Protein backbone atom coordinates (compact mmCIF):
# COMPACT_ATOMS: atom_id res chain seq x y z
CA MET A 1 -127.72 18.87 -56.03
CA MET A 2 -131.47 19.41 -56.17
CA ALA A 3 -132.89 19.63 -59.68
CA SER A 4 -135.39 22.34 -60.48
CA GLU A 5 -138.79 21.38 -61.89
CA ARG A 6 -137.84 22.60 -65.36
CA ASP A 7 -134.89 20.18 -65.37
CA LEU A 8 -137.13 17.15 -64.86
CA MET A 9 -138.62 14.97 -67.62
CA GLY A 10 -142.24 14.29 -66.79
CA GLY A 11 -142.58 11.70 -69.54
CA LEU A 12 -139.66 9.68 -68.22
CA ALA A 13 -141.02 9.83 -64.69
CA LYS A 14 -144.41 8.55 -65.85
CA GLY A 15 -142.82 5.79 -67.92
CA LEU A 16 -140.85 4.58 -64.91
CA LYS A 17 -144.05 4.54 -62.83
CA VAL A 18 -145.66 2.29 -65.42
CA ILE A 19 -142.68 -0.08 -65.45
CA GLU A 20 -142.80 -0.25 -61.64
CA ALA A 21 -146.49 -1.24 -61.82
CA PHE A 22 -145.41 -4.71 -62.96
CA SER A 23 -144.45 -7.06 -60.15
CA ALA A 24 -144.34 -10.73 -59.24
CA GLU A 25 -147.93 -10.38 -58.05
CA HIS A 26 -149.02 -8.41 -61.14
CA PRO A 27 -147.04 -9.83 -64.08
CA ARG A 28 -149.87 -9.19 -66.62
CA LEU A 29 -151.64 -5.84 -66.67
CA SER A 30 -154.33 -4.25 -68.78
CA ILE A 31 -154.09 -0.54 -69.49
CA SER A 32 -156.68 0.19 -66.81
CA GLN A 33 -154.94 -1.96 -64.22
CA ALA A 34 -151.55 -0.38 -64.95
CA ALA A 35 -153.08 3.10 -64.77
CA GLU A 36 -154.61 2.36 -61.38
CA ILE A 37 -151.37 0.98 -59.91
CA ALA A 38 -149.21 3.75 -61.39
CA MET A 39 -151.81 6.38 -60.41
CA LEU A 40 -151.81 7.88 -63.90
CA ASP A 41 -154.61 8.60 -66.33
CA ARG A 42 -155.50 5.90 -68.84
CA ALA A 43 -154.34 7.81 -71.94
CA THR A 44 -150.87 8.48 -70.52
CA THR A 45 -150.54 4.89 -69.35
CA ARG A 46 -151.57 3.60 -72.78
CA ARG A 47 -148.89 5.66 -74.50
CA CYS A 48 -146.24 4.49 -72.05
CA LEU A 49 -147.20 0.83 -72.49
CA LEU A 50 -147.31 1.04 -76.28
CA THR A 51 -143.91 2.73 -76.29
CA LEU A 52 -142.48 -0.04 -74.11
CA ALA A 53 -143.97 -2.62 -76.48
CA GLU A 54 -142.57 -0.84 -79.54
CA LEU A 55 -139.08 -0.78 -78.00
CA GLY A 56 -139.25 -4.43 -77.01
CA TYR A 57 -139.52 -3.93 -73.24
CA ALA A 58 -143.09 -5.24 -73.12
CA ALA A 59 -145.27 -7.70 -75.00
CA TYR A 60 -148.93 -7.02 -75.84
CA ASP A 61 -151.56 -9.64 -76.69
CA GLY A 62 -154.33 -7.16 -77.48
CA LYS A 63 -155.57 -6.98 -73.90
CA PHE A 64 -152.71 -7.53 -71.48
CA PHE A 65 -149.14 -6.27 -71.35
CA THR A 66 -146.24 -8.22 -69.87
CA VAL A 67 -142.65 -7.10 -69.50
CA THR A 68 -140.06 -8.96 -71.58
CA PRO A 69 -136.57 -10.10 -70.51
CA LYS A 70 -135.20 -6.98 -72.18
CA VAL A 71 -136.46 -4.90 -69.25
CA LEU A 72 -133.85 -6.63 -67.08
CA ARG A 73 -131.23 -4.51 -68.84
CA LEU A 74 -132.59 -1.56 -66.88
CA GLY A 75 -131.78 -3.15 -63.54
CA THR A 76 -129.17 -5.86 -63.82
CA GLY A 77 -126.48 -3.40 -64.80
CA CYS A 78 -127.13 -1.39 -61.64
CA LEU A 79 -127.26 -4.51 -59.48
CA ALA A 80 -123.99 -5.69 -60.94
CA THR A 81 -122.27 -2.48 -59.85
CA MET A 82 -123.48 -2.81 -56.24
CA PRO A 83 -120.84 -4.32 -53.95
CA LEU A 84 -123.41 -6.02 -51.70
CA PRO A 85 -124.76 -8.58 -54.22
CA ARG A 86 -121.26 -9.55 -55.32
CA ILE A 87 -120.13 -9.98 -51.73
CA VAL A 88 -123.10 -11.98 -50.41
CA GLN A 89 -123.90 -14.30 -53.33
CA PRO A 90 -121.02 -16.78 -52.82
CA LEU A 91 -121.85 -17.08 -49.13
CA LEU A 92 -125.54 -17.46 -49.94
CA ASP A 93 -124.75 -20.31 -52.33
CA GLN A 94 -122.59 -22.03 -49.72
CA LEU A 95 -125.17 -21.60 -46.97
CA SER A 96 -128.00 -22.88 -49.13
CA GLU A 97 -126.03 -25.98 -50.12
CA ARG A 98 -125.04 -26.67 -46.52
CA ILE A 99 -128.51 -26.41 -44.98
CA GLY A 100 -130.50 -27.61 -47.99
CA GLN A 101 -132.91 -24.65 -47.95
CA SER A 102 -133.42 -21.46 -49.96
CA THR A 103 -131.63 -18.36 -48.67
CA SER A 104 -131.96 -14.69 -49.58
CA VAL A 105 -130.54 -11.25 -48.88
CA SER A 106 -132.60 -8.08 -49.22
CA ILE A 107 -132.47 -4.35 -48.54
CA LEU A 108 -135.22 -1.93 -47.52
CA ASP A 109 -136.72 0.40 -50.13
CA GLU A 110 -139.48 2.54 -48.65
CA THR A 111 -142.26 0.11 -47.61
CA GLU A 112 -140.83 -2.92 -49.44
CA ILE A 113 -137.86 -5.23 -49.35
CA VAL A 114 -135.87 -5.72 -52.53
CA TYR A 115 -134.03 -8.99 -53.10
CA VAL A 116 -130.37 -8.43 -54.01
CA GLY A 117 -129.22 -12.04 -53.69
CA ARG A 118 -130.88 -15.45 -53.64
CA ALA A 119 -129.90 -19.12 -53.66
CA ALA A 120 -132.93 -21.34 -54.22
CA GLN A 121 -132.96 -25.03 -53.39
CA ARG A 122 -136.63 -25.36 -54.24
CA ARG A 123 -139.55 -23.07 -54.90
CA VAL A 124 -141.12 -22.22 -51.54
CA MET A 125 -143.56 -19.51 -52.67
CA SER A 126 -146.21 -19.41 -55.36
CA ILE A 127 -144.34 -16.50 -56.96
CA ALA A 128 -140.82 -16.85 -58.30
CA LEU A 129 -138.30 -14.83 -56.30
CA MET A 130 -135.07 -13.50 -57.76
CA PRO A 131 -132.80 -10.47 -57.40
CA GLY A 132 -134.98 -7.43 -57.95
CA SER A 133 -138.15 -9.07 -56.60
CA ARG A 134 -140.10 -7.06 -54.06
CA LEU A 135 -142.33 -7.97 -51.12
CA PRO A 136 -143.98 -5.88 -48.39
CA ALA A 137 -141.67 -5.22 -45.45
CA TYR A 138 -144.31 -5.41 -42.69
CA CYS A 139 -145.10 -9.13 -43.10
CA THR A 140 -141.74 -10.61 -44.16
CA SER A 141 -138.94 -11.80 -41.88
CA MET A 142 -136.29 -9.74 -43.66
CA GLY A 143 -138.60 -6.74 -43.67
CA ARG A 144 -139.14 -6.93 -39.94
CA VAL A 145 -135.41 -7.19 -39.31
CA LEU A 146 -134.81 -4.10 -41.45
CA LEU A 147 -137.71 -2.16 -39.91
CA GLY A 148 -136.59 -3.19 -36.44
CA ALA A 149 -133.21 -1.58 -37.08
CA LEU A 150 -134.87 1.83 -37.50
CA ASP A 151 -135.75 4.16 -34.66
CA ILE A 152 -139.33 4.12 -33.43
CA SER A 153 -140.44 7.08 -35.53
CA GLY A 154 -138.88 5.54 -38.64
CA ARG A 155 -140.70 2.25 -38.09
CA GLN A 156 -144.02 3.96 -37.52
CA SER A 157 -143.61 6.20 -40.56
CA ILE A 158 -143.06 3.25 -42.88
CA LEU A 159 -145.92 1.23 -41.39
CA GLU A 160 -148.26 4.21 -41.80
CA ARG A 161 -147.33 4.38 -45.49
CA SER A 162 -147.72 0.62 -45.98
CA HIS A 163 -150.82 -1.08 -47.30
CA LEU A 164 -151.41 -3.36 -44.32
CA GLU A 165 -153.48 -6.14 -45.81
CA ALA A 166 -154.07 -9.61 -44.37
CA ARG A 167 -152.33 -11.78 -46.95
CA THR A 168 -153.31 -14.83 -44.86
CA GLU A 169 -155.39 -15.30 -41.73
CA ARG A 170 -152.12 -15.18 -39.75
CA THR A 171 -150.87 -11.84 -41.10
CA LEU A 172 -150.27 -9.24 -38.40
CA ILE A 173 -151.78 -5.93 -39.53
CA ASP A 174 -152.59 -4.12 -36.27
CA MET A 175 -150.25 -1.13 -35.96
CA VAL A 176 -149.68 -1.47 -32.20
CA ALA A 177 -149.02 -5.21 -32.49
CA LEU A 178 -146.64 -4.69 -35.41
CA LEU A 179 -144.64 -2.05 -33.54
CA ALA A 180 -144.41 -4.39 -30.55
CA GLU A 181 -143.22 -7.24 -32.79
CA LEU A 182 -140.58 -5.00 -34.35
CA GLU A 183 -139.25 -4.13 -30.90
CA ILE A 184 -139.10 -7.83 -30.01
CA THR A 185 -137.28 -8.52 -33.27
CA ARG A 186 -134.75 -5.78 -32.56
CA SER A 187 -134.14 -7.01 -29.01
CA ARG A 188 -133.63 -10.70 -29.78
CA GLY A 189 -131.69 -10.11 -33.00
CA TYR A 190 -133.80 -12.13 -35.44
CA ALA A 191 -137.30 -12.25 -36.94
CA LEU A 192 -139.69 -15.16 -37.32
CA ILE A 193 -142.59 -15.37 -39.75
CA ASP A 194 -145.16 -18.16 -39.58
CA GLN A 195 -147.29 -18.17 -42.74
CA GLU A 196 -147.96 -14.42 -42.73
CA VAL A 197 -146.76 -13.81 -46.29
CA GLU A 198 -148.22 -16.96 -47.77
CA VAL A 199 -149.90 -20.07 -46.36
CA GLY A 200 -147.37 -22.87 -45.99
CA LEU A 201 -144.26 -20.65 -45.75
CA ARG A 202 -142.12 -20.05 -42.66
CA SER A 203 -138.93 -18.03 -42.46
CA ILE A 204 -136.28 -16.72 -40.12
CA ALA A 205 -134.07 -13.69 -40.77
CA VAL A 206 -131.12 -11.91 -39.18
CA PRO A 207 -129.66 -8.47 -39.86
CA LEU A 208 -126.43 -8.08 -41.82
CA LEU A 209 -124.22 -5.53 -40.12
CA ASN A 210 -121.33 -3.46 -41.37
CA MET A 211 -118.11 -2.84 -39.47
CA ARG A 212 -119.79 -0.01 -37.53
CA GLY A 213 -122.61 -2.27 -36.37
CA GLN A 214 -125.21 -0.68 -38.65
CA THR A 215 -127.84 -2.87 -40.33
CA VAL A 216 -127.34 -2.65 -44.09
CA ALA A 217 -129.34 -5.71 -45.25
CA ALA A 218 -131.12 -8.82 -44.03
CA LEU A 219 -130.46 -12.53 -44.55
CA ASN A 220 -133.12 -15.22 -44.31
CA VAL A 221 -133.98 -18.87 -44.74
CA GLY A 222 -137.42 -19.73 -46.10
CA LEU A 223 -138.94 -23.19 -46.09
CA PRO A 224 -142.28 -25.03 -46.20
CA ALA A 225 -144.20 -25.02 -42.93
CA THR A 226 -144.27 -28.80 -43.04
CA ALA A 227 -140.48 -28.97 -42.94
CA ALA A 228 -140.00 -27.60 -39.43
CA SER A 229 -141.90 -26.26 -36.45
CA MET A 230 -141.08 -22.73 -35.32
CA ASP A 231 -138.92 -24.07 -32.46
CA VAL A 232 -136.98 -26.32 -34.83
CA LEU A 233 -136.67 -23.44 -37.28
CA VAL A 234 -134.77 -21.42 -34.67
CA GLU A 235 -132.74 -24.35 -33.34
CA ARG A 236 -131.65 -25.62 -36.76
CA TYR A 237 -131.24 -22.48 -38.86
CA LEU A 238 -130.42 -19.57 -36.56
CA PRO A 239 -126.83 -20.75 -35.84
CA PRO A 240 -125.80 -20.97 -39.54
CA LEU A 241 -127.45 -17.60 -40.23
CA LEU A 242 -125.50 -16.03 -37.37
CA GLY A 243 -122.33 -17.64 -38.74
CA VAL A 244 -122.79 -15.90 -42.09
CA GLN A 245 -123.73 -12.69 -40.29
CA ALA A 246 -120.42 -12.78 -38.41
CA GLU A 247 -118.44 -13.62 -41.55
CA LEU A 248 -119.94 -10.72 -43.49
CA ARG A 249 -119.61 -8.09 -40.77
CA GLY A 250 -116.01 -7.32 -41.64
CA MET A 251 -116.77 -7.19 -45.36
CA LEU A 252 -119.68 -4.74 -45.51
CA VAL A 253 -119.44 -0.97 -45.45
């Protein structure tokens, strides 16, 4: 059912935009910074932030706001009701223990991937990743797997809406080259990233398929670049990833 404009709460919509402005890359925001990210005027953003602080969802030091653990109540309840995280987490834990590396599962949300499961052996990125964390889809191994599962127009549409910035000197940002890489990823059945998200990080990802063969999520292994060359990355970690992929195929809808 489509809601009419008079049924919508503009204040709630603006408040949610302000909450979404906080991320792993922007954990501390001034009013001006939050307003710019949320694309709202400064006065509205200030009221939203002060309301969040008053209700305990944000902390304020006089200049910067940070979200508090209480904000997790807004998302963890929803995550807990999703079958996918409950299904994949035990297998993630087992896989991570067996191979000695961090593993993750994510889904696609517009131009970003959202982590729904993670088993960390060690911290491999400068930012802490956990369920609910977001990263751009275009430059991540899981993102490329998920984008590769779309039809050509779907891939192009998302890339056109993405902020294609060179996060490192290796980041692929040319539209034609990205579309070609997505087709390669789709054809071979896995994605490889060599320090495109962050210097010193390599990863490999495979799609997670449901019983109908549709891609519903992505599974990856991330590790320091010094731990394995790209060839070794494929040789050592693709087989266990494919094993989990096969095990989950009959469990996902």
